[in-house]
Every structure is written in C-alpha cells, then in structure tokens.
Amino acid sequence: MKIRTKRWLGGLAIAVGAVGAAGAYLKKKNMGAAVPKPQKRFGDVWARPGMTVTFRAELMPGRDREDRTFRVKEMLPSGRVSLHDVNGEHTETEFEPIS
C-alpha cells in the first residue's frame, strides 16, 4: 500500500472515532433530560387486601412455599403492606413476583 493511502485511511479512522466519541458524549449529556416517568395511578397497586403473597426463598431459607405465603391485611399509603400473622411492614421487593 502506498504511504498516501495509509495516511488517508489513518485520517479516516481518526475522523470516525472522533464522530463516535462526540455522539456518545452528546447522548450521555442528553440522558438527564429524558422523558419523565409517568406518575402511578391511584388504583395501580401491586397488592390488595385479601391477596396472598409469598416471601422470596432467600428471605426465609429452609421453609416450604406454603410456610412463606401470607395474606395481605392492609395496603399502606407508602406502598408497603401489613400481613396477617406477621409483624411489621413489608415492601414489594420482599415477595416473589405476582403472576
């Protein structure tokens, strides 16, 4: 390959790299101005009184699924729940996904 061709290809590679870096910088810069998350609707909750929920096995090791399943007593305004036969407030992340 001629020296002139090598220089031309080298310059092209640098230009492409610069364009890619500028694009990444602009994309990262505009990430903070993303579309705001929609607010949850009042009726859109993950649990309701009377539902059964199951604690994740990692939180109660050595217990069967039936032993980790409880009934929701009350849904609190913070999004937490209180359960029958269990003391305290519990968040959605403590339970297995509801399908």
PDB file of N, CA and C in Angstrom:
ATOM      1  N   MET A   1       0.843  -1.159   0.000  1.00  0.00           N
ATOM      2  CA  MET A   1       0.000   0.000   0.000  1.00  0.00           C
ATOM      3  C   MET A   1       0.903   1.241   0.000  1.00  0.00           C
ATOM      4  N   LYS A   2       0.482   2.225  -0.709  1.00  0.00           N
ATOM      5  CA  LYS A   2       1.254   3.462  -0.782  1.00  0.00           C
ATOM      6  C   LYS A   2       1.121   4.232   0.526  1.00  0.00           C
ATOM      7  N   ILE A   3       2.104   5.024   0.817  1.00  0.00           N
ATOM      8  CA  ILE A   3       2.108   5.839   2.035  1.00  0.00           C
ATOM      9  C   ILE A   3       0.940   6.806   2.036  1.00  0.00           C
ATOM     10  N   ARG A   4       0.580   7.293   0.880  1.00  0.00           N
ATOM     11  CA  ARG A   4      -0.529   8.228   0.765  1.00  0.00           C
ATOM     12  C   ARG A   4      -1.841   7.553   1.152  1.00  0.00           C
ATOM     13  N   THR A   5      -2.038   6.312   0.755  1.00  0.00           N
ATOM     14  CA  THR A   5      -3.247   5.556   1.091  1.00  0.00           C
ATOM     15  C   THR A   5      -3.291   5.267   2.591  1.00  0.00           C
ATOM     16  N   LYS A   6      -2.141   4.940   3.162  1.00  0.00           N
ATOM     17  CA  LYS A   6      -2.077   4.662   4.596  1.00  0.00           C
ATOM     18  C   LYS A   6      -2.458   5.901   5.408  1.00  0.00           C
ATOM     19  N   ARG A   7      -1.964   7.028   4.999  1.00  0.00           N
ATOM     20  CA  ARG A   7      -2.287   8.270   5.695  1.00  0.00           C
ATOM     21  C   ARG A   7      -3.774   8.604   5.562  1.00  0.00           C
ATOM     22  N   TRP A   8      -4.297   8.375   4.374  1.00  0.00           N
ATOM     23  CA  TRP A   8      -5.719   8.659   4.145  1.00  0.00           C
ATOM     24  C   TRP A   8      -6.588   7.758   5.017  1.00  0.00           C
ATOM     25  N   LEU A   9      -6.273   6.461   5.096  1.00  0.00           N
ATOM     26  CA  LEU A   9      -7.031   5.529   5.928  1.00  0.00           C
ATOM     27  C   LEU A   9      -6.870   5.853   7.415  1.00  0.00           C
ATOM     28  N   GLY A  10      -5.677   6.249   7.824  1.00  0.00           N
ATOM     29  CA  GLY A  10      -5.443   6.649   9.217  1.00  0.00           C
ATOM     30  C   GLY A  10      -6.261   7.865   9.597  1.00  0.00           C
ATOM     31  N   GLY A  11      -6.287   8.849   8.706  1.00  0.00           N
ATOM     32  CA  GLY A  11      -7.094  10.043   8.953  1.00  0.00           C
ATOM     33  C   GLY A  11      -8.569   9.719   9.013  1.00  0.00           C
ATOM     34  N   LEU A  12      -9.003   8.820   8.137  1.00  0.00           N
ATOM     35  CA  LEU A  12     -10.409   8.402   8.136  1.00  0.00           C
ATOM     36  C   LEU A  12     -10.762   7.706   9.453  1.00  0.00           C
ATOM     37  N   ALA A  13      -9.884   6.843   9.945  1.00  0.00           N
ATOM     38  CA  ALA A  13     -10.125   6.143  11.208  1.00  0.00           C
ATOM     39  C   ALA A  13     -10.227   7.123  12.378  1.00  0.00           C
ATOM     40  N   ILE A  14      -9.346   8.122  12.391  1.00  0.00           N
ATOM     41  CA  ILE A  14      -9.391   9.130  13.452  1.00  0.00           C
ATOM     42  C   ILE A  14     -10.682   9.936  13.373  1.00  0.00           C
ATOM     43  N   ALA A  15     -11.099  10.284  12.166  1.00  0.00           N
ATOM     44  CA  ALA A  15     -12.337  11.052  11.996  1.00  0.00           C
ATOM     45  C   ALA A  15     -13.551  10.255  12.453  1.00  0.00           C
ATOM     46  N   VAL A  16     -13.592   8.984  12.098  1.00  0.00           N
ATOM     47  CA  VAL A  16     -14.727   8.138  12.504  1.00  0.00           C
ATOM     48  C   VAL A  16     -14.748   7.997  14.025  1.00  0.00           C
ATOM     49  N   GLY A  17     -13.582   7.819  14.625  1.00  0.00           N
ATOM     50  CA  GLY A  17     -13.508   7.733  16.079  1.00  0.00           C
ATOM     51  C   GLY A  17     -13.973   9.004  16.767  1.00  0.00           C
ATOM     52  N   ALA A  18     -13.591  10.140  16.204  1.00  0.00           N
ATOM     53  CA  ALA A  18     -13.994  11.421  16.776  1.00  0.00           C
ATOM     54  C   ALA A  18     -15.502  11.614  16.687  1.00  0.00           C
ATOM     55  N   VAL A  19     -16.081  11.235  15.565  1.00  0.00           N
ATOM     56  CA  VAL A  19     -17.538  11.352  15.409  1.00  0.00           C
ATOM     57  C   VAL A  19     -18.248  10.443  16.403  1.00  0.00           C
ATOM     58  N   GLY A  20     -17.747   9.228  16.575  1.00  0.00           N
ATOM     59  CA  GLY A  20     -18.347   8.298  17.538  1.00  0.00           C
ATOM     60  C   GLY A  20     -18.240   8.808  18.966  1.00  0.00           C
ATOM     61  N   ALA A  21     -17.093   9.356  19.329  1.00  0.00           N
ATOM     62  CA  ALA A  21     -16.914   9.888  20.678  1.00  0.00           C
ATOM     63  C   ALA A  21     -17.828  11.088  20.911  1.00  0.00           C
ATOM     64  N   ALA A  22     -17.947  11.950  19.923  1.00  0.00           N
ATOM     65  CA  ALA A  22     -18.831  13.112  20.061  1.00  0.00           C
ATOM     66  C   ALA A  22     -20.278  12.663  20.206  1.00  0.00           C
ATOM     67  N   GLY A  23     -20.671  11.662  19.441  1.00  0.00           N
ATOM     68  CA  GLY A  23     -22.038  11.139  19.547  1.00  0.00           C
ATOM     69  C   GLY A  23     -22.308  10.541  20.914  1.00  0.00           C
ATOM     70  N   ALA A  24     -21.359   9.791  21.462  1.00  0.00           N
ATOM     71  CA  ALA A  24     -21.517   9.208  22.793  1.00  0.00           C
ATOM     72  C   ALA A  24     -21.610  10.301  23.858  1.00  0.00           C
ATOM     73  N   TYR A  25     -20.777  11.335  23.726  1.00  0.00           N
ATOM     74  CA  TYR A  25     -20.811  12.439  24.683  1.00  0.00           C
ATOM     75  C   TYR A  25     -22.166  13.139  24.655  1.00  0.00           C
ATOM     76  N   LEU A  26     -22.674  13.429  23.474  1.00  0.00           N
ATOM     77  CA  LEU A  26     -23.962  14.121  23.364  1.00  0.00           C
ATOM     78  C   LEU A  26     -25.104  13.248  23.877  1.00  0.00           C
ATOM     79  N   LYS A  27     -25.032  11.958  23.618  1.00  0.00           N
ATOM     80  CA  LYS A  27     -26.072  11.051  24.082  1.00  0.00           C
ATOM     81  C   LYS A  27     -26.083  11.002  25.606  1.00  0.00           C
ATOM     82  N   LYS A  28     -24.899  10.927  26.212  1.00  0.00           N
ATOM     83  CA  LYS A  28     -24.804  10.892  27.666  1.00  0.00           C
ATOM     84  C   LYS A  28     -25.263  12.210  28.275  1.00  0.00           C
ATOM     85  N   LYS A  29     -24.916  13.314  27.637  1.00  0.00           N
ATOM     86  CA  LYS A  29     -25.280  14.640  28.125  1.00  0.00           C
ATOM     87  C   LYS A  29     -26.796  14.814  28.130  1.00  0.00           C
ATOM     88  N   ASN A  30     -27.467  14.295  27.111  1.00  0.00           N
ATOM     89  CA  ASN A  30     -28.924  14.449  26.997  1.00  0.00           C
ATOM     90  C   ASN A  30     -29.695  13.423  27.802  1.00  0.00           C
ATOM     91  N   MET A  31     -29.013  12.485  28.445  1.00  0.00           N
ATOM     92  CA  MET A  31     -29.716  11.456  29.183  1.00  0.00           C
ATOM     93  C   MET A  31     -30.475  12.016  30.378  1.00  0.00           C
ATOM     94  N   GLY A  32     -29.981  13.044  31.002  1.00  0.00           N
ATOM     95  CA  GLY A  32     -30.650  13.653  32.144  1.00  0.00           C
ATOM     96  C   GLY A  32     -31.961  14.314  31.749  1.00  0.00           C
ATOM     97  N   ALA A  33     -32.097  14.692  30.500  1.00  0.00           N
ATOM     98  CA  ALA A  33     -33.308  15.357  30.030  1.00  0.00           C
ATOM     99  C   ALA A  33     -34.267  14.358  29.401  1.00  0.00           C
ATOM    100  N   ALA A  34     -34.225  13.118  29.889  1.00  0.00           N
ATOM    101  CA  ALA A  34     -35.099  12.077  29.339  1.00  0.00           C
ATOM    102  C   ALA A  34     -36.552  12.363  29.705  1.00  0.00           C
ATOM    103  N   VAL A  35     -37.433  11.631  29.097  1.00  0.00           N
ATOM    104  CA  VAL A  35     -38.855  11.778  29.358  1.00  0.00           C
ATOM    105  C   VAL A  35     -39.126  11.392  30.810  1.00  0.00           C
ATOM    106  N   PRO A  36     -39.837  12.235  31.569  1.00  0.00           N
ATOM    107  CA  PRO A  36     -40.099  11.912  32.977  1.00  0.00           C
ATOM    108  C   PRO A  36     -40.989  10.675  33.101  1.00  0.00           C
ATOM    109  N   LYS A  37     -40.789   9.956  34.197  1.00  0.00           N
ATOM    110  CA  LYS A  37     -41.584   8.759  34.432  1.00  0.00           C
ATOM    111  C   LYS A  37     -43.031   9.148  34.712  1.00  0.00           C
ATOM    112  N   PRO A  38     -43.977   8.390  34.173  1.00  0.00           N
ATOM    113  CA  PRO A  38     -45.376   8.714  34.461  1.00  0.00           C
ATOM    114  C   PRO A  38     -45.703   8.411  35.917  1.00  0.00           C
ATOM    115  N   GLN A  39     -46.562   9.212  36.491  1.00  0.00           N
ATOM    116  CA  GLN A  39     -46.980   9.004  37.868  1.00  0.00           C
ATOM    117  C   GLN A  39     -47.880   7.773  37.951  1.00  0.00           C
ATOM    118  N   LYS A  40     -47.773   7.043  39.060  1.00  0.00           N
ATOM    119  CA  LYS A  40     -48.638   5.881  39.237  1.00  0.00           C
ATOM    120  C   LYS A  40     -50.070   6.357  39.472  1.00  0.00           C
ATOM    121  N   ARG A  41     -50.974   5.636  38.886  1.00  0.00           N
ATOM    122  CA  ARG A  41     -52.374   5.949  39.109  1.00  0.00           C
ATOM    123  C   ARG A  41     -52.785   5.456  40.489  1.00  0.00           C
ATOM    124  N   PHE A  42     -53.828   6.021  41.045  1.00  0.00           N
ATOM    125  CA  PHE A  42     -54.257   5.700  42.395  1.00  0.00           C
ATOM    126  C   PHE A  42     -54.618   4.221  42.526  1.00  0.00           C
ATOM    127  N   GLY A  43     -55.300   3.657  41.553  1.00  0.00           N
ATOM    128  CA  GLY A  43     -55.740   2.270  41.631  1.00  0.00           C
ATOM    129  C   GLY A  43     -54.692   1.261  41.199  1.00  0.00           C
ATOM    130  N   ASP A  44     -53.531   1.727  40.747  1.00  0.00           N
ATOM    131  CA  ASP A  44     -52.494   0.843  40.244  1.00  0.00           C
ATOM    132  C   ASP A  44     -51.554   0.455  41.384  1.00  0.00           C
ATOM    133  N   VAL A  45     -51.878  -0.627  42.092  1.00  0.00           N
ATOM    134  CA  VAL A  45     -51.072  -1.087  43.213  1.00  0.00           C
ATOM    135  C   VAL A  45     -50.673  -2.535  42.972  1.00  0.00           C
ATOM    136  N   TRP A  46     -49.618  -2.975  43.633  1.00  0.00           N
ATOM    137  CA  TRP A  46     -49.097  -4.317  43.414  1.00  0.00           C
ATOM    138  C   TRP A  46     -49.791  -5.359  44.283  1.00  0.00           C
ATOM    139  N   ALA A  47     -50.481  -4.949  45.335  1.00  0.00           N
ATOM    140  CA  ALA A  47     -51.186  -5.899  46.206  1.00  0.00           C
ATOM    141  C   ALA A  47     -52.461  -5.257  46.725  1.00  0.00           C
ATOM    142  N   ARG A  48     -53.406  -6.086  47.065  1.00  0.00           N
ATOM    143  CA  ARG A  48     -54.679  -5.614  47.614  1.00  0.00           C
ATOM    144  C   ARG A  48     -55.012  -6.434  48.848  1.00  0.00           C
ATOM    145  N   PRO A  49     -55.797  -5.877  49.768  1.00  0.00           N
ATOM    146  CA  PRO A  49     -56.181  -6.648  50.951  1.00  0.00           C
ATOM    147  C   PRO A  49     -56.872  -7.956  50.556  1.00  0.00           C
ATOM    148  N   GLY A  50     -56.468  -9.025  51.225  1.00  0.00           N
ATOM    149  CA  GLY A  50     -57.035 -10.341  50.948  1.00  0.00           C
ATOM    150  C   GLY A  50     -56.195 -11.184  50.004  1.00  0.00           C
ATOM    151  N   MET A  51     -55.280 -10.560  49.259  1.00  0.00           N
ATOM    152  CA  MET A  51     -54.413 -11.318  48.352  1.00  0.00           C
ATOM    153  C   MET A  51     -53.412 -12.143  49.149  1.00  0.00           C
ATOM    154  N   THR A  52     -52.965 -13.238  48.559  1.00  0.00           N
ATOM    155  CA  THR A  52     -51.881 -13.992  49.172  1.00  0.00           C
ATOM    156  C   THR A  52     -50.577 -13.618  48.482  1.00  0.00           C
ATOM    157  N   VAL A  53     -49.539 -13.417  49.288  1.00  0.00           N
ATOM    158  CA  VAL A  53     -48.218 -13.090  48.768  1.00  0.00           C
ATOM    159  C   VAL A  53     -47.217 -14.060  49.387  1.00  0.00           C
ATOM    160  N   THR A  54     -46.152 -14.347  48.642  1.00  0.00           N
ATOM    161  CA  THR A  54     -45.153 -15.312  49.087  1.00  0.00           C
ATOM    162  C   THR A  54     -43.800 -14.626  49.211  1.00  0.00           C
ATOM    163  N   PHE A  55     -43.198 -14.740  50.395  1.00  0.00           N
ATOM    164  CA  PHE A  55     -41.861 -14.197  50.594  1.00  0.00           C
ATOM    165  C   PHE A  55     -40.875 -14.938  49.708  1.00  0.00           C
ATOM    166  N   ARG A  56     -39.841 -14.241  49.240  1.00  0.00           N
ATOM    167  CA  ARG A  56     -38.800 -14.879  48.446  1.00  0.00           C
ATOM    168  C   ARG A  56     -38.068 -15.899  49.310  1.00  0.00           C
ATOM    169  N   ALA A  57     -37.602 -16.968  48.688  1.00  0.00           N
ATOM    170  CA  ALA A  57     -36.933 -18.046  49.417  1.00  0.00           C
ATOM    171  C   ALA A  57     -35.651 -17.564  50.093  1.00  0.00           C
ATOM    172  N   GLU A  58     -34.984 -16.540  49.525  1.00  0.00           N
ATOM    173  CA  GLU A  58     -33.753 -16.036  50.124  1.00  0.00           C
ATOM    174  C   GLU A  58     -34.004 -15.413  51.493  1.00  0.00           C
ATOM    175  N   LEU A  59     -35.221 -14.895  51.710  1.00  0.00           N
ATOM    176  CA  LEU A  59     -35.532 -14.239  52.974  1.00  0.00           C
ATOM    177  C   LEU A  59     -35.963 -15.224  54.045  1.00  0.00           C
ATOM    178  N   MET A  60     -36.469 -16.379  53.631  1.00  0.00           N
ATOM    179  CA  MET A  60     -36.893 -17.411  54.569  1.00  0.00           C
ATOM    180  C   MET A  60     -36.336 -18.759  54.115  1.00  0.00           C
ATOM    181  N   PRO A  61     -35.036 -18.961  54.251  1.00  0.00           N
ATOM    182  CA  PRO A  61     -34.446 -20.218  53.775  1.00  0.00           C
ATOM    183  C   PRO A  61     -34.907 -21.412  54.613  1.00  0.00           C
ATOM    184  N   GLY A  62     -35.055 -22.541  53.945  1.00  0.00           N
ATOM    185  CA  GLY A  62     -35.427 -23.770  54.632  1.00  0.00           C
ATOM    186  C   GLY A  62     -36.911 -23.933  54.871  1.00  0.00           C
ATOM    187  N   ARG A  63     -37.711 -23.010  54.393  1.00  0.00           N
ATOM    188  CA  ARG A  63     -39.160 -23.121  54.575  1.00  0.00           C
ATOM    189  C   ARG A  63     -39.821 -23.406  53.240  1.00  0.00           C
ATOM    190  N   ASP A  64     -40.872 -24.211  53.277  1.00  0.00           N
ATOM    191  CA  ASP A  64     -41.628 -24.513  52.068  1.00  0.00           C
ATOM    192  C   ASP A  64     -42.413 -23.289  51.629  1.00  0.00           C
ATOM    193  N   ARG A  65     -42.906 -23.343  50.394  1.00  0.00           N
ATOM    194  CA  ARG A  65     -43.670 -22.226  49.833  1.00  0.00           C
ATOM    195  C   ARG A  65     -44.908 -21.916  50.676  1.00  0.00           C
ATOM    196  N   GLU A  66     -45.562 -22.950  51.174  1.00  0.00           N
ATOM    197  CA  GLU A  66     -46.769 -22.746  51.991  1.00  0.00           C
ATOM    198  C   GLU A  66     -46.446 -22.013  53.288  1.00  0.00           C
ATOM    199  N   ASP A  67     -45.255 -22.264  53.827  1.00  0.00           N
ATOM    200  CA  ASP A  67     -44.851 -21.600  55.065  1.00  0.00           C
ATOM    201  C   ASP A  67     -44.451 -20.147  54.832  1.00  0.00           C
ATOM    202  N   ARG A  68     -44.128 -19.790  53.587  1.00  0.00           N
ATOM    203  CA  ARG A  68     -43.727 -18.426  53.249  1.00  0.00           C
ATOM    204  C   ARG A  68     -44.874 -17.605  52.682  1.00  0.00           C
ATOM    205  N   THR A  69     -46.080 -18.174  52.600  1.00  0.00           N
ATOM    206  CA  THR A  69     -47.233 -17.495  51.994  1.00  0.00           C
ATOM    207  C   THR A  69     -48.126 -16.914  53.078  1.00  0.00           C
ATOM    208  N   PHE A  70     -48.473 -15.635  52.918  1.00  0.00           N
ATOM    209  CA  PHE A  70     -49.310 -14.940  53.890  1.00  0.00           C
ATOM    210  C   PHE A  70     -50.362 -14.122  53.150  1.00  0.00           C
ATOM    211  N   ARG A  71     -51.378 -13.698  53.900  1.00  0.00           N
ATOM    212  CA  ARG A  71     -52.477 -12.911  53.335  1.00  0.00           C
ATOM    213  C   ARG A  71     -52.290 -11.447  53.719  1.00  0.00           C
ATOM    214  N   VAL A  72     -52.531 -10.561  52.748  1.00  0.00           N
ATOM    215  CA  VAL A  72     -52.386  -9.110  52.962  1.00  0.00           C
ATOM    216  C   VAL A  72     -53.537  -8.616  53.817  1.00  0.00           C
ATOM    217  N   LYS A  73     -53.176  -7.929  54.903  1.00  0.00           N
ATOM    218  CA  LYS A  73     -54.198  -7.364  55.789  1.00  0.00           C
ATOM    219  C   LYS A  73     -54.564  -5.956  55.349  1.00  0.00           C
ATOM    220  N   GLU A  74     -53.528  -5.160  55.033  1.00  0.00           N
ATOM    221  CA  GLU A  74     -53.761  -3.745  54.744  1.00  0.00           C
ATOM    222  C   GLU A  74     -52.682  -3.218  53.808  1.00  0.00           C
ATOM    223  N   MET A  75     -53.088  -2.388  52.856  1.00  0.00           N
ATOM    224  CA  MET A  75     -52.148  -1.702  51.966  1.00  0.00           C
ATOM    225  C   MET A  75     -51.931  -0.310  52.529  1.00  0.00           C
ATOM    226  N   LEU A  76     -50.694   0.041  52.804  1.00  0.00           N
ATOM    227  CA  LEU A  76     -50.377   1.334  53.402  1.00  0.00           C
ATOM    228  C   LEU A  76     -50.122   2.386  52.319  1.00  0.00           C
ATOM    229  N   PRO A  77     -50.293   3.669  52.633  1.00  0.00           N
ATOM    230  CA  PRO A  77     -50.093   4.728  51.633  1.00  0.00           C
ATOM    231  C   PRO A  77     -48.675   4.759  51.050  1.00  0.00           C
ATOM    232  N   SER A  78     -47.694   4.246  51.787  1.00  0.00           N
ATOM    233  CA  SER A  78     -46.315   4.250  51.321  1.00  0.00           C
ATOM    234  C   SER A  78     -46.048   3.154  50.293  1.00  0.00           C
ATOM    235  N   GLY A  79     -47.028   2.300  50.021  1.00  0.00           N
ATOM    236  CA  GLY A  79     -46.835   1.202  49.083  1.00  0.00           C
ATOM    237  C   GLY A  79     -46.451  -0.087  49.774  1.00  0.00           C
ATOM    238  N   ARG A  80     -46.249  -0.031  51.072  1.00  0.00           N
ATOM    239  CA  ARG A  80     -45.938  -1.228  51.840  1.00  0.00           C
ATOM    240  C   ARG A  80     -47.226  -1.931  52.245  1.00  0.00           C
ATOM    241  N   VAL A  81     -47.077  -3.156  52.735  1.00  0.00           N
ATOM    242  CA  VAL A  81     -48.245  -3.906  53.183  1.00  0.00           C
ATOM    243  C   VAL A  81     -48.011  -4.413  54.596  1.00  0.00           C
ATOM    244  N   SER A  82     -49.100  -4.596  55.325  1.00  0.00           N
ATOM    245  CA  SER A  82     -49.047  -5.329  56.586  1.00  0.00           C
ATOM    246  C   SER A  82     -49.772  -6.639  56.341  1.00  0.00           C
ATOM    247  N   LEU A  83     -49.287  -7.697  56.978  1.00  0.00           N
ATOM    248  CA  LEU A  83     -49.781  -9.045  56.717  1.00  0.00           C
ATOM    249  C   LEU A  83     -50.437  -9.623  57.961  1.00  0.00           C
ATOM    250  N   HIS A  84     -51.376 -10.566  57.747  1.00  0.00           N
ATOM    251  CA  HIS A  84     -51.946 -11.331  58.845  1.00  0.00           C
ATOM    252  C   HIS A  84     -50.859 -12.266  59.374  1.00  0.00           C
ATOM    253  N   ASP A  85     -50.749 -12.415  60.670  1.00  0.00           N
ATOM    254  CA  ASP A  85     -49.827 -13.345  61.340  1.00  0.00           C
ATOM    255  C   ASP A  85     -48.350 -12.972  61.192  1.00  0.00           C
ATOM    256  N   VAL A  86     -48.023 -11.783  60.673  1.00  0.00           N
ATOM    257  CA  VAL A  86     -46.630 -11.342  60.569  1.00  0.00           C
ATOM    258  C   VAL A  86     -46.576  -9.889  61.016  1.00  0.00           C
ATOM    259  N   ASN A  87     -45.630  -9.577  61.886  1.00  0.00           N
ATOM    260  CA  ASN A  87     -45.484  -8.206  62.370  1.00  0.00           C
ATOM    261  C   ASN A  87     -44.651  -7.388  61.389  1.00  0.00           C
ATOM    262  N   GLY A  88     -44.911  -6.093  61.334  1.00  0.00           N
ATOM    263  CA  GLY A  88     -44.098  -5.183  60.540  1.00  0.00           C
ATOM    264  C   GLY A  88     -44.711  -4.840  59.196  1.00  0.00           C
ATOM    265  N   GLU A  89     -43.999  -3.942  58.505  1.00  0.00           N
ATOM    266  CA  GLU A  89     -44.400  -3.512  57.161  1.00  0.00           C
ATOM    267  C   GLU A  89     -43.433  -4.132  56.169  1.00  0.00           C
ATOM    268  N   HIS A  90     -43.944  -4.494  55.007  1.00  0.00           N
ATOM    269  CA  HIS A  90     -43.124  -5.184  54.019  1.00  0.00           C
ATOM    270  C   HIS A  90     -43.300  -4.544  52.655  1.00  0.00           C
ATOM    271  N   THR A  91     -42.192  -4.504  51.874  1.00  0.00           N
ATOM    272  CA  THR A  91     -42.217  -3.896  50.548  1.00  0.00           C
ATOM    273  C   THR A  91     -42.400  -4.959  49.472  1.00  0.00           C
ATOM    274  N   GLU A  92     -42.672  -4.502  48.277  1.00  0.00           N
ATOM    275  CA  GLU A  92     -42.911  -5.388  47.136  1.00  0.00           C
ATOM    276  C   GLU A  92     -41.691  -6.248  46.824  1.00  0.00           C
ATOM    277  N   THR A  93     -40.492  -5.709  47.060  1.00  0.00           N
ATOM    278  CA  THR A  93     -39.269  -6.436  46.712  1.00  0.00           C
ATOM    279  C   THR A  93     -39.009  -7.652  47.596  1.00  0.00           C
ATOM    280  N   GLU A  94     -39.699  -7.748  48.725  1.00  0.00           N
ATOM    281  CA  GLU A  94     -39.507  -8.885  49.627  1.00  0.00           C
ATOM    282  C   GLU A  94     -40.256 -10.115  49.156  1.00  0.00           C
ATOM    283  N   PHE A  95     -41.138  -9.967  48.176  1.00  0.00           N
ATOM    284  CA  PHE A  95     -42.010 -11.053  47.757  1.00  0.00           C
ATOM    285  C   PHE A  95     -41.664 -11.538  46.366  1.00  0.00           C
ATOM    286  N   GLU A  96     -42.090 -12.760  46.065  1.00  0.00           N
ATOM    287  CA  GLU A  96     -41.925 -13.295  44.714  1.00  0.00           C
ATOM    288  C   GLU A  96     -42.830 -12.523  43.765  1.00  0.00           C
ATOM    289  N   PRO A  97     -42.452 -12.411  42.494  1.00  0.00           N
ATOM    290  CA  PRO A  97     -43.306 -11.684  41.538  1.00  0.00           C
ATOM    291  C   PRO A  97     -44.695 -12.304  41.450  1.00  0.00           C
ATOM    292  N   ILE A  98     -45.677 -11.434  41.373  1.00  0.00           N
ATOM    293  CA  ILE A  98     -47.067 -11.893  41.256  1.00  0.00           C
ATOM    294  C   ILE A  98     -47.378 -12.078  39.782  1.00  0.00           C
ATOM    295  N   SER A  99     -47.834 -13.262  39.447  1.00  0.00           N
ATOM    296  CA  SER A  99     -48.124 -13.526  38.026  1.00  0.00           C
ATOM    297  C   SER A  99     -49.605 -13.668  37.791  1.00  0.00           C
TER     298      SER A  99
END
